[in-house]
């Protein structure tokens, strides 16, 4: 059964947001690493 209580929906959206943030952080870190590698040459 899907829990529709405010607490459950808040938790779900919080997890979604955390996942999205970590994904974008990884992407930014990869871009930064590429830029640093490019500058060293």
PDB file of N, CA and C in Angstrom:
ATOM      1  N   UNK A   1       0.835  -1.196   0.000  1.00  0.00           N
ATOM      2  CA  UNK A   1       0.000   0.000   0.000  1.00  0.00           C
ATOM      3  C   UNK A   1       0.879   1.258   0.000  1.00  0.00           C
ATOM      4  N   UNK A   2       0.518   2.218  -0.844  1.00  0.00           N
ATOM      5  CA  UNK A   2       1.282   3.453  -0.896  1.00  0.00           C
ATOM      6  C   UNK A   2       0.952   4.341   0.292  1.00  0.00           C
ATOM      7  N   UNK A   3       1.984   4.735   1.014  1.00  0.00           N
ATOM      8  CA  UNK A   3       1.787   5.593   2.181  1.00  0.00           C
ATOM      9  C   UNK A   3       1.681   7.039   1.709  1.00  0.00           C
ATOM     10  N   UNK A   4       0.512   7.655   1.910  1.00  0.00           N
ATOM     11  CA  UNK A   4       0.297   9.018   1.432  1.00  0.00           C
ATOM     12  C   UNK A   4       0.395  10.045   2.562  1.00  0.00           C
ATOM     13  N   UNK A   5       0.901   9.631   3.716  1.00  0.00           N
ATOM     14  CA  UNK A   5       1.011  10.576   4.823  1.00  0.00           C
ATOM     15  C   UNK A   5       2.058  11.645   4.483  1.00  0.00           C
ATOM     16  N   UNK A   6       1.898  12.858   4.984  1.00  0.00           N
ATOM     17  CA  UNK A   6       2.842  13.945   4.677  1.00  0.00           C
ATOM     18  C   UNK A   6       4.277  13.570   5.017  1.00  0.00           C
ATOM     19  N   UNK A   7       4.445  12.851   6.122  1.00  0.00           N
ATOM     20  CA  UNK A   7       5.787  12.481   6.552  1.00  0.00           C
ATOM     21  C   UNK A   7       6.446  11.572   5.509  1.00  0.00           C
ATOM     22  N   UNK A   8       5.680  10.620   4.979  1.00  0.00           N
ATOM     23  CA  UNK A   8       6.223   9.678   4.001  1.00  0.00           C
ATOM     24  C   UNK A   8       6.552  10.387   2.692  1.00  0.00           C
ATOM     25  N   UNK A   9       5.671  11.271   2.252  1.00  0.00           N
ATOM     26  CA  UNK A   9       5.923  11.974   0.984  1.00  0.00           C
ATOM     27  C   UNK A   9       7.119  12.909   1.128  1.00  0.00           C
ATOM     28  N   UNK A  10       7.252  13.516   2.301  1.00  0.00           N
ATOM     29  CA  UNK A  10       8.380  14.413   2.538  1.00  0.00           C
ATOM     30  C   UNK A  10       9.686  13.626   2.491  1.00  0.00           C
ATOM     31  N   UNK A  11       9.673  12.446   3.092  1.00  0.00           N
ATOM     32  CA  UNK A  11      10.872  11.605   3.120  1.00  0.00           C
ATOM     33  C   UNK A  11      11.260  11.197   1.702  1.00  0.00           C
ATOM     34  N   UNK A  12      10.251  10.826   0.914  1.00  0.00           N
ATOM     35  CA  UNK A  12      10.505  10.391  -0.462  1.00  0.00           C
ATOM     36  C   UNK A  12      11.114  11.513  -1.283  1.00  0.00           C
ATOM     37  N   UNK A  13      10.541  12.705  -1.195  1.00  0.00           N
ATOM     38  CA  UNK A  13      11.059  13.825  -1.979  1.00  0.00           C
ATOM     39  C   UNK A  13      12.456  14.199  -1.498  1.00  0.00           C
ATOM     40  N   UNK A  14      12.704  14.040  -0.218  1.00  0.00           N
ATOM     41  CA  UNK A  14      14.026  14.327   0.334  1.00  0.00           C
ATOM     42  C   UNK A  14      15.064  13.370  -0.239  1.00  0.00           C
ATOM     43  N   UNK A  15      14.702  12.107  -0.361  1.00  0.00           N
ATOM     44  CA  UNK A  15      15.619  11.114  -0.919  1.00  0.00           C
ATOM     45  C   UNK A  15      15.875  11.403  -2.395  1.00  0.00           C
ATOM     46  N   UNK A  16      14.818  11.788  -3.111  1.00  0.00           N
ATOM     47  CA  UNK A  16      14.962  12.121  -4.533  1.00  0.00           C
ATOM     48  C   UNK A  16      15.927  13.288  -4.701  1.00  0.00           C
ATOM     49  N   UNK A  17      15.742  14.307  -3.855  1.00  0.00           N
ATOM     50  CA  UNK A  17      16.572  15.500  -3.944  1.00  0.00           C
ATOM     51  C   UNK A  17      18.018  15.158  -3.624  1.00  0.00           C
ATOM     52  N   UNK A  18      18.225  14.331  -2.608  1.00  0.00           N
ATOM     53  CA  UNK A  18      19.577  13.948  -2.215  1.00  0.00           C
ATOM     54  C   UNK A  18      20.264  13.196  -3.350  1.00  0.00           C
ATOM     55  N   UNK A  19      19.498  12.334  -4.011  1.00  0.00           N
ATOM     56  CA  UNK A  19      20.052  11.564  -5.133  1.00  0.00           C
ATOM     57  C   UNK A  19      20.461  12.521  -6.255  1.00  0.00           C
ATOM     58  N   UNK A  20      19.605  13.475  -6.563  1.00  0.00           N
ATOM     59  CA  UNK A  20      19.883  14.423  -7.636  1.00  0.00           C
ATOM     60  C   UNK A  20      21.101  15.281  -7.292  1.00  0.00           C
ATOM     61  N   UNK A  21      21.199  15.675  -6.028  1.00  0.00           N
ATOM     62  CA  UNK A  21      22.327  16.523  -5.627  1.00  0.00           C
ATOM     63  C   UNK A  21      23.636  15.765  -5.745  1.00  0.00           C
ATOM     64  N   UNK A  22      23.656  14.521  -5.276  1.00  0.00           N
ATOM     65  CA  UNK A  22      24.891  13.753  -5.336  1.00  0.00           C
ATOM     66  C   UNK A  22      25.280  13.506  -6.785  1.00  0.00           C
ATOM     67  N   UNK A  23      24.302  13.299  -7.650  1.00  0.00           N
ATOM     68  CA  UNK A  23      24.590  13.076  -9.065  1.00  0.00           C
ATOM     69  C   UNK A  23      25.197  14.330  -9.689  1.00  0.00           C
ATOM     70  N   UNK A  24      24.631  15.489  -9.387  1.00  0.00           N
ATOM     71  CA  UNK A  24      25.154  16.729  -9.966  1.00  0.00           C
ATOM     72  C   UNK A  24      26.528  17.052  -9.381  1.00  0.00           C
ATOM     73  N   UNK A  25      26.752  16.706  -8.114  1.00  0.00           N
ATOM     74  CA  UNK A  25      28.058  16.936  -7.496  1.00  0.00           C
ATOM     75  C   UNK A  25      29.119  16.094  -8.185  1.00  0.00           C
ATOM     76  N   UNK A  26      28.770  14.827  -8.470  1.00  0.00           N
ATOM     77  CA  UNK A  26      29.703  13.937  -9.162  1.00  0.00           C
ATOM     78  C   UNK A  26      30.035  14.504 -10.535  1.00  0.00           C
ATOM     79  N   UNK A  27      29.007  15.000 -11.227  1.00  0.00           N
ATOM     80  CA  UNK A  27      29.200  15.568 -12.566  1.00  0.00           C
ATOM     81  C   UNK A  27      30.125  16.777 -12.482  1.00  0.00           C
ATOM     82  N   UNK A  28      29.881  17.646 -11.503  1.00  0.00           N
ATOM     83  CA  UNK A  28      30.706  18.842 -11.345  1.00  0.00           C
ATOM     84  C   UNK A  28      32.141  18.468 -11.015  1.00  0.00           C
ATOM     85  N   UNK A  29      32.315  17.451 -10.189  1.00  0.00           N
ATOM     86  CA  UNK A  29      33.654  17.011  -9.814  1.00  0.00           C
ATOM     87  C   UNK A  29      34.390  16.477 -11.032  1.00  0.00           C
ATOM     88  N   UNK A  30      33.686  15.727 -11.880  1.00  0.00           N
ATOM     89  CA  UNK A  30      34.292  15.182 -13.094  1.00  0.00           C
ATOM     90  C   UNK A  30      34.698  16.315 -14.028  1.00  0.00           C
ATOM     91  N   UNK A  31      33.842  17.317 -14.166  1.00  0.00           N
ATOM     92  CA  UNK A  31      34.149  18.463 -15.028  1.00  0.00           C
ATOM     93  C   UNK A  31      35.353  19.208 -14.470  1.00  0.00           C
ATOM     94  N   UNK A  32      35.387  19.421 -13.169  1.00  0.00           N
ATOM     95  CA  UNK A  32      36.499  20.133 -12.545  1.00  0.00           C
ATOM     96  C   UNK A  32      37.802  19.357 -12.738  1.00  0.00           C
ATOM     97  N   UNK A  33      37.741  18.047 -12.592  1.00  0.00           N
ATOM     98  CA  UNK A  33      38.932  17.214 -12.770  1.00  0.00           C
ATOM     99  C   UNK A  33      39.436  17.308 -14.196  1.00  0.00           C
ATOM    100  N   UNK A  34      38.518  17.327 -15.159  1.00  0.00           N
ATOM    101  CA  UNK A  34      38.908  17.439 -16.573  1.00  0.00           C
ATOM    102  C   UNK A  34      39.574  18.790 -16.822  1.00  0.00           C
ATOM    103  N   UNK A  35      39.034  19.842 -16.224  1.00  0.00           N
ATOM    104  CA  UNK A  35      39.589  21.174 -16.421  1.00  0.00           C
ATOM    105  C   UNK A  35      41.004  21.247 -15.847  1.00  0.00           C
ATOM    106  N   UNK A  36      41.191  20.660 -14.667  1.00  0.00           N
ATOM    107  CA  UNK A  36      42.509  20.664 -14.014  1.00  0.00           C
ATOM    108  C   UNK A  36      43.500  19.887 -14.864  1.00  0.00           C
ATOM    109  N   UNK A  37      43.066  18.731 -15.366  1.00  0.00           N
ATOM    110  CA  UNK A  37      43.929  17.903 -16.205  1.00  0.00           C
ATOM    111  C   UNK A  37      44.311  18.654 -17.473  1.00  0.00           C
ATOM    112  N   UNK A  38      43.356  19.402 -18.014  1.00  0.00           N
ATOM    113  CA  UNK A  38      43.628  20.166 -19.227  1.00  0.00           C
ATOM    114  C   UNK A  38      44.607  21.297 -18.988  1.00  0.00           C
ATOM    115  N   UNK A  39      44.561  21.921 -17.813  1.00  0.00           N
ATOM    116  CA  UNK A  39      45.446  23.037 -17.493  1.00  0.00           C
ATOM    117  C   UNK A  39      46.879  22.574 -17.257  1.00  0.00           C
ATOM    118  N   UNK A  40      47.033  21.349 -16.770  1.00  0.00           N
ATOM    119  CA  UNK A  40      48.373  20.842 -16.448  1.00  0.00           C
ATOM    120  C   UNK A  40      49.218  20.624 -17.693  1.00  0.00           C
ATOM    121  N   UNK A  41      48.585  20.342 -18.824  1.00  0.00           N
ATOM    122  CA  UNK A  41      49.344  20.021 -20.046  1.00  0.00           C
ATOM    123  C   UNK A  41      50.141  21.199 -20.556  1.00  0.00           C
TER     124      UNK A  41
END
